[in-house]
Amino acid sequence: MGFLSWLFNDDGGKTLEGFRNGSVQIRTENGVSYDKASTLAAFDKLNGEILKLEELYAKKQRGEPYVLHPYEAPAPIATCNGGGFNMKDVEAYLTELDYRIVELRAEL
């Protein structure tokens, strides 16, 4: 891996290893990109869902009653023509968050 690949975290889209080990890097972009506010709102909604599911899993482990609510996907993310987040990075992170939600729901 070259210096520029390391610097820009470009693995060619082969793996999501950076997201799985906690080193998330979402770059900004000046071309067509995802709007920052709606991207962060989507991240917040998915991370909140993960936290709720982790709490429910802890209740299940303790033998307490819990209620699993239906999953509501976040609203589509708006695009902009400059000053937003890189689309590839955002989609990879959203995929990883969705994967984690599916894992947690399967455990319940």
N, C-alpha and C. Protein backbone atom coordinates (compact mmCIF):
# COMPACT_ATOMS: atom_id res chain seq x y z
N MET A 1 0.85 -1.17 0.00
CA MET A 1 0.00 0.00 0.00
C MET A 1 0.90 1.23 0.00
N GLY A 2 0.64 2.13 -0.93
CA GLY A 2 1.44 3.34 -1.04
C GLY A 2 1.01 4.40 -0.05
N PHE A 3 1.82 5.44 0.01
CA PHE A 3 1.55 6.52 0.95
C PHE A 3 0.21 7.19 0.68
N LEU A 4 -0.08 7.47 -0.60
CA LEU A 4 -1.34 8.16 -0.91
C LEU A 4 -2.54 7.27 -0.59
N SER A 5 -2.44 5.98 -0.85
CA SER A 5 -3.53 5.07 -0.50
C SER A 5 -3.76 5.07 1.01
N TRP A 6 -2.66 5.06 1.76
CA TRP A 6 -2.79 5.11 3.22
C TRP A 6 -3.40 6.44 3.66
N LEU A 7 -2.92 7.52 3.07
CA LEU A 7 -3.37 8.85 3.45
C LEU A 7 -4.85 9.05 3.18
N PHE A 8 -5.32 8.58 2.04
CA PHE A 8 -6.71 8.77 1.67
C PHE A 8 -7.58 7.56 1.96
N ASN A 9 -7.02 6.56 2.62
CA ASN A 9 -7.77 5.37 3.04
C ASN A 9 -8.47 4.73 1.85
N ASP A 10 -7.77 4.60 0.72
CA ASP A 10 -8.37 4.05 -0.49
C ASP A 10 -7.95 2.60 -0.65
N ASP A 11 -8.87 1.69 -0.35
CA ASP A 11 -8.59 0.26 -0.50
C ASP A 11 -9.25 -0.30 -1.75
N GLY A 12 -9.70 0.57 -2.62
CA GLY A 12 -10.34 0.13 -3.84
C GLY A 12 -11.72 -0.45 -3.62
N GLY A 13 -12.30 -0.23 -2.46
CA GLY A 13 -13.63 -0.73 -2.16
C GLY A 13 -13.67 -2.22 -1.89
N LYS A 14 -12.51 -2.85 -1.68
CA LYS A 14 -12.47 -4.30 -1.48
C LYS A 14 -12.97 -4.72 -0.11
N THR A 15 -12.65 -3.94 0.91
CA THR A 15 -13.05 -4.33 2.26
C THR A 15 -13.58 -3.13 3.01
N LEU A 16 -14.26 -3.41 4.09
CA LEU A 16 -14.72 -2.36 4.99
C LEU A 16 -13.96 -2.46 6.31
N GLU A 17 -12.75 -2.96 6.24
CA GLU A 17 -11.97 -3.23 7.46
C GLU A 17 -11.79 -1.98 8.31
N GLY A 18 -11.60 -0.83 7.67
CA GLY A 18 -11.44 0.41 8.43
C GLY A 18 -12.65 0.74 9.26
N PHE A 19 -13.83 0.43 8.75
CA PHE A 19 -15.05 0.71 9.49
C PHE A 19 -15.23 -0.29 10.61
N ARG A 20 -14.84 -1.53 10.40
CA ARG A 20 -15.04 -2.55 11.41
C ARG A 20 -14.11 -2.37 12.61
N ASN A 21 -12.91 -1.83 12.38
CA ASN A 21 -12.00 -1.68 13.51
C ASN A 21 -12.10 -0.29 14.14
N GLY A 22 -13.08 0.50 13.75
CA GLY A 22 -13.32 1.77 14.41
C GLY A 22 -12.60 2.97 13.84
N SER A 23 -11.85 2.79 12.77
CA SER A 23 -11.12 3.92 12.20
C SER A 23 -11.88 4.45 10.98
N VAL A 24 -13.03 5.02 11.21
CA VAL A 24 -13.87 5.54 10.14
C VAL A 24 -13.27 6.82 9.61
N GLN A 25 -13.17 6.91 8.29
CA GLN A 25 -12.67 8.12 7.66
C GLN A 25 -13.61 8.48 6.52
N ILE A 26 -14.34 9.55 6.68
CA ILE A 26 -15.25 10.02 5.64
C ILE A 26 -14.72 11.35 5.14
N ARG A 27 -14.33 11.34 3.89
CA ARG A 27 -13.69 12.52 3.29
C ARG A 27 -14.74 13.50 2.78
N THR A 28 -14.34 14.77 2.73
CA THR A 28 -15.19 15.78 2.10
C THR A 28 -14.84 15.84 0.62
N GLU A 29 -15.75 16.39 -0.16
CA GLU A 29 -15.55 16.43 -1.60
C GLU A 29 -16.17 17.71 -2.14
N ASN A 30 -15.56 18.27 -3.16
CA ASN A 30 -16.08 19.51 -3.75
C ASN A 30 -17.00 19.27 -4.93
N GLY A 31 -17.02 18.07 -5.50
CA GLY A 31 -17.92 17.76 -6.61
C GLY A 31 -19.28 17.35 -6.08
N VAL A 32 -19.98 16.56 -6.89
CA VAL A 32 -21.28 16.04 -6.45
C VAL A 32 -21.04 15.13 -5.26
N SER A 33 -21.73 15.41 -4.17
CA SER A 33 -21.49 14.67 -2.93
C SER A 33 -22.76 14.68 -2.09
N TYR A 34 -22.70 14.00 -0.95
CA TYR A 34 -23.84 13.98 -0.04
C TYR A 34 -23.80 15.19 0.87
N ASP A 35 -24.97 15.77 1.08
CA ASP A 35 -25.12 16.92 1.97
C ASP A 35 -24.70 16.54 3.39
N LYS A 36 -23.92 17.39 4.02
CA LYS A 36 -23.39 17.07 5.35
C LYS A 36 -24.48 16.92 6.40
N ALA A 37 -25.45 17.83 6.42
CA ALA A 37 -26.48 17.79 7.46
C ALA A 37 -27.34 16.53 7.35
N SER A 38 -27.77 16.19 6.16
CA SER A 38 -28.63 15.00 6.04
C SER A 38 -27.82 13.72 6.22
N THR A 39 -26.53 13.75 5.88
CA THR A 39 -25.67 12.58 6.12
C THR A 39 -25.51 12.35 7.61
N LEU A 40 -25.22 13.41 8.34
CA LEU A 40 -25.05 13.27 9.79
C LEU A 40 -26.36 12.87 10.47
N ALA A 41 -27.49 13.34 9.95
CA ALA A 41 -28.79 12.93 10.50
C ALA A 41 -29.02 11.44 10.30
N ALA A 42 -28.64 10.93 9.12
CA ALA A 42 -28.79 9.49 8.85
C ALA A 42 -27.87 8.68 9.75
N PHE A 43 -26.61 9.13 9.91
CA PHE A 43 -25.68 8.44 10.81
C PHE A 43 -26.23 8.42 12.23
N ASP A 44 -26.77 9.56 12.67
CA ASP A 44 -27.30 9.66 14.03
C ASP A 44 -28.47 8.70 14.23
N LYS A 45 -29.36 8.62 13.26
CA LYS A 45 -30.51 7.73 13.36
C LYS A 45 -30.07 6.27 13.44
N LEU A 46 -29.12 5.88 12.58
CA LEU A 46 -28.66 4.49 12.58
C LEU A 46 -27.87 4.15 13.84
N ASN A 47 -27.03 5.06 14.29
CA ASN A 47 -26.29 4.81 15.53
C ASN A 47 -27.23 4.75 16.73
N GLY A 48 -28.28 5.57 16.73
CA GLY A 48 -29.28 5.50 17.79
C GLY A 48 -30.00 4.17 17.79
N GLU A 49 -30.31 3.67 16.60
CA GLU A 49 -30.95 2.35 16.49
C GLU A 49 -30.03 1.26 17.03
N ILE A 50 -28.75 1.36 16.74
CA ILE A 50 -27.79 0.37 17.24
C ILE A 50 -27.73 0.41 18.76
N LEU A 51 -27.70 1.61 19.34
CA LEU A 51 -27.68 1.72 20.80
C LEU A 51 -28.93 1.13 21.43
N LYS A 52 -30.10 1.38 20.83
CA LYS A 52 -31.35 0.81 21.36
C LYS A 52 -31.30 -0.72 21.30
N LEU A 53 -30.81 -1.25 20.19
CA LEU A 53 -30.75 -2.71 20.05
C LEU A 53 -29.76 -3.33 21.03
N GLU A 54 -28.65 -2.63 21.27
CA GLU A 54 -27.68 -3.14 22.25
C GLU A 54 -28.29 -3.14 23.65
N GLU A 55 -29.10 -2.13 23.98
CA GLU A 55 -29.78 -2.10 25.28
C GLU A 55 -30.78 -3.25 25.39
N LEU A 56 -31.53 -3.50 24.31
CA LEU A 56 -32.48 -4.60 24.31
C LEU A 56 -31.77 -5.94 24.46
N TYR A 57 -30.61 -6.07 23.81
CA TYR A 57 -29.85 -7.32 23.93
C TYR A 57 -29.38 -7.53 25.36
N ALA A 58 -28.96 -6.43 26.02
CA ALA A 58 -28.55 -6.53 27.42
C ALA A 58 -29.73 -6.95 28.30
N LYS A 59 -30.92 -6.42 28.01
CA LYS A 59 -32.11 -6.83 28.75
C LYS A 59 -32.39 -8.31 28.53
N LYS A 60 -32.24 -8.76 27.31
CA LYS A 60 -32.47 -10.17 26.99
C LYS A 60 -31.50 -11.04 27.77
N GLN A 61 -30.24 -10.63 27.85
CA GLN A 61 -29.22 -11.39 28.58
C GLN A 61 -29.55 -11.47 30.07
N ARG A 62 -30.15 -10.41 30.62
CA ARG A 62 -30.51 -10.39 32.04
C ARG A 62 -31.83 -11.09 32.30
N GLY A 63 -32.55 -11.47 31.26
CA GLY A 63 -33.83 -12.14 31.42
C GLY A 63 -35.00 -11.20 31.63
N GLU A 64 -34.80 -9.93 31.39
CA GLU A 64 -35.87 -8.94 31.54
C GLU A 64 -36.73 -8.92 30.27
N PRO A 65 -38.00 -8.53 30.40
CA PRO A 65 -38.84 -8.42 29.20
C PRO A 65 -38.40 -7.23 28.34
N TYR A 66 -38.57 -7.36 27.05
CA TYR A 66 -38.23 -6.28 26.12
C TYR A 66 -39.17 -6.33 24.93
N VAL A 67 -39.29 -5.20 24.25
CA VAL A 67 -40.15 -5.10 23.07
C VAL A 67 -39.28 -4.65 21.90
N LEU A 68 -39.29 -5.43 20.82
CA LEU A 68 -38.53 -5.11 19.62
C LEU A 68 -39.44 -4.37 18.64
N HIS A 69 -39.16 -3.10 18.43
CA HIS A 69 -39.96 -2.28 17.53
C HIS A 69 -39.53 -2.50 16.08
N PRO A 70 -40.42 -2.26 15.12
CA PRO A 70 -40.04 -2.42 13.71
C PRO A 70 -38.97 -1.40 13.32
N TYR A 71 -38.13 -1.80 12.39
CA TYR A 71 -37.03 -0.96 11.93
C TYR A 71 -37.54 0.10 10.97
N GLU A 72 -37.14 1.33 11.18
CA GLU A 72 -37.46 2.43 10.27
C GLU A 72 -36.17 2.95 9.67
N ALA A 73 -36.04 2.80 8.36
CA ALA A 73 -34.84 3.27 7.67
C ALA A 73 -34.80 4.80 7.66
N PRO A 74 -33.60 5.37 7.68
CA PRO A 74 -33.51 6.83 7.62
C PRO A 74 -33.96 7.35 6.26
N ALA A 75 -34.30 8.62 6.20
CA ALA A 75 -34.70 9.25 4.95
C ALA A 75 -33.53 9.25 3.97
N PRO A 76 -33.81 9.26 2.68
CA PRO A 76 -32.72 9.32 1.70
C PRO A 76 -31.86 10.57 1.92
N ILE A 77 -30.59 10.43 1.66
CA ILE A 77 -29.65 11.52 1.88
C ILE A 77 -29.63 12.44 0.67
N ALA A 78 -29.73 13.73 0.92
CA ALA A 78 -29.71 14.73 -0.16
C ALA A 78 -28.29 14.87 -0.71
N THR A 79 -28.21 15.23 -1.98
CA THR A 79 -26.91 15.49 -2.60
C THR A 79 -26.71 16.98 -2.75
N CYS A 80 -25.47 17.36 -2.93
CA CYS A 80 -25.14 18.77 -3.17
C CYS A 80 -24.02 18.84 -4.21
N ASN A 81 -23.75 20.02 -4.69
CA ASN A 81 -22.73 20.18 -5.74
C ASN A 81 -21.42 20.73 -5.21
N GLY A 82 -21.17 20.61 -3.94
CA GLY A 82 -19.90 21.06 -3.41
C GLY A 82 -19.93 21.13 -1.90
N GLY A 83 -18.82 20.80 -1.29
CA GLY A 83 -18.71 20.92 0.15
C GLY A 83 -19.44 19.86 0.93
N GLY A 84 -19.63 18.68 0.35
CA GLY A 84 -20.32 17.60 1.06
C GLY A 84 -19.38 16.45 1.35
N PHE A 85 -19.96 15.31 1.75
CA PHE A 85 -19.17 14.11 2.05
C PHE A 85 -19.06 13.22 0.83
N ASN A 86 -17.93 12.56 0.71
CA ASN A 86 -17.66 11.62 -0.38
C ASN A 86 -18.73 10.53 -0.40
N MET A 87 -19.34 10.31 -1.56
CA MET A 87 -20.45 9.36 -1.66
C MET A 87 -20.02 7.93 -1.38
N LYS A 88 -18.86 7.55 -1.86
CA LYS A 88 -18.37 6.17 -1.65
C LYS A 88 -18.14 5.90 -0.17
N ASP A 89 -17.53 6.85 0.53
CA ASP A 89 -17.27 6.68 1.96
C ASP A 89 -18.56 6.59 2.75
N VAL A 90 -19.51 7.45 2.43
CA VAL A 90 -20.79 7.47 3.15
C VAL A 90 -21.54 6.16 2.92
N GLU A 91 -21.61 5.71 1.67
CA GLU A 91 -22.33 4.48 1.36
C GLU A 91 -21.69 3.28 2.05
N ALA A 92 -20.37 3.25 2.11
CA ALA A 92 -19.68 2.15 2.80
C ALA A 92 -20.01 2.15 4.29
N TYR A 93 -20.01 3.32 4.90
CA TYR A 93 -20.32 3.40 6.33
C TYR A 93 -21.78 3.06 6.60
N LEU A 94 -22.69 3.53 5.75
CA LEU A 94 -24.10 3.19 5.91
C LEU A 94 -24.32 1.69 5.77
N THR A 95 -23.61 1.06 4.84
CA THR A 95 -23.70 -0.39 4.68
C THR A 95 -23.25 -1.09 5.94
N GLU A 96 -22.17 -0.62 6.53
CA GLU A 96 -21.67 -1.24 7.75
C GLU A 96 -22.64 -1.05 8.92
N LEU A 97 -23.24 0.13 9.03
CA LEU A 97 -24.23 0.36 10.09
C LEU A 97 -25.46 -0.53 9.88
N ASP A 98 -25.92 -0.63 8.65
CA ASP A 98 -27.06 -1.51 8.36
C ASP A 98 -26.73 -2.96 8.69
N TYR A 99 -25.52 -3.38 8.37
CA TYR A 99 -25.09 -4.75 8.67
C TYR A 99 -25.12 -5.00 10.18
N ARG A 100 -24.65 -4.03 10.94
CA ARG A 100 -24.65 -4.16 12.41
C ARG A 100 -26.07 -4.24 12.95
N ILE A 101 -26.98 -3.45 12.39
CA ILE A 101 -28.38 -3.48 12.82
C ILE A 101 -28.99 -4.85 12.54
N VAL A 102 -28.73 -5.39 11.36
CA VAL A 102 -29.26 -6.71 11.00
C VAL A 102 -28.70 -7.77 11.94
N GLU A 103 -27.41 -7.68 12.26
CA GLU A 103 -26.80 -8.63 13.21
C GLU A 103 -27.49 -8.58 14.58
N LEU A 104 -27.68 -7.37 15.09
CA LEU A 104 -28.29 -7.22 16.41
C LEU A 104 -29.74 -7.69 16.42
N ARG A 105 -30.49 -7.38 15.38
CA ARG A 105 -31.88 -7.81 15.31
C ARG A 105 -31.97 -9.34 15.23
N ALA A 106 -31.01 -9.96 14.57
CA ALA A 106 -31.01 -11.42 14.47
C ALA A 106 -30.73 -12.06 15.84
N GLU A 107 -29.93 -11.40 16.67
CA GLU A 107 -29.63 -11.93 18.00
C GLU A 107 -30.82 -11.83 18.96
N LEU A 108 -31.75 -10.92 18.64
CA LEU A 108 -32.93 -10.76 19.50
C LEU A 108 -33.99 -11.69 18.99
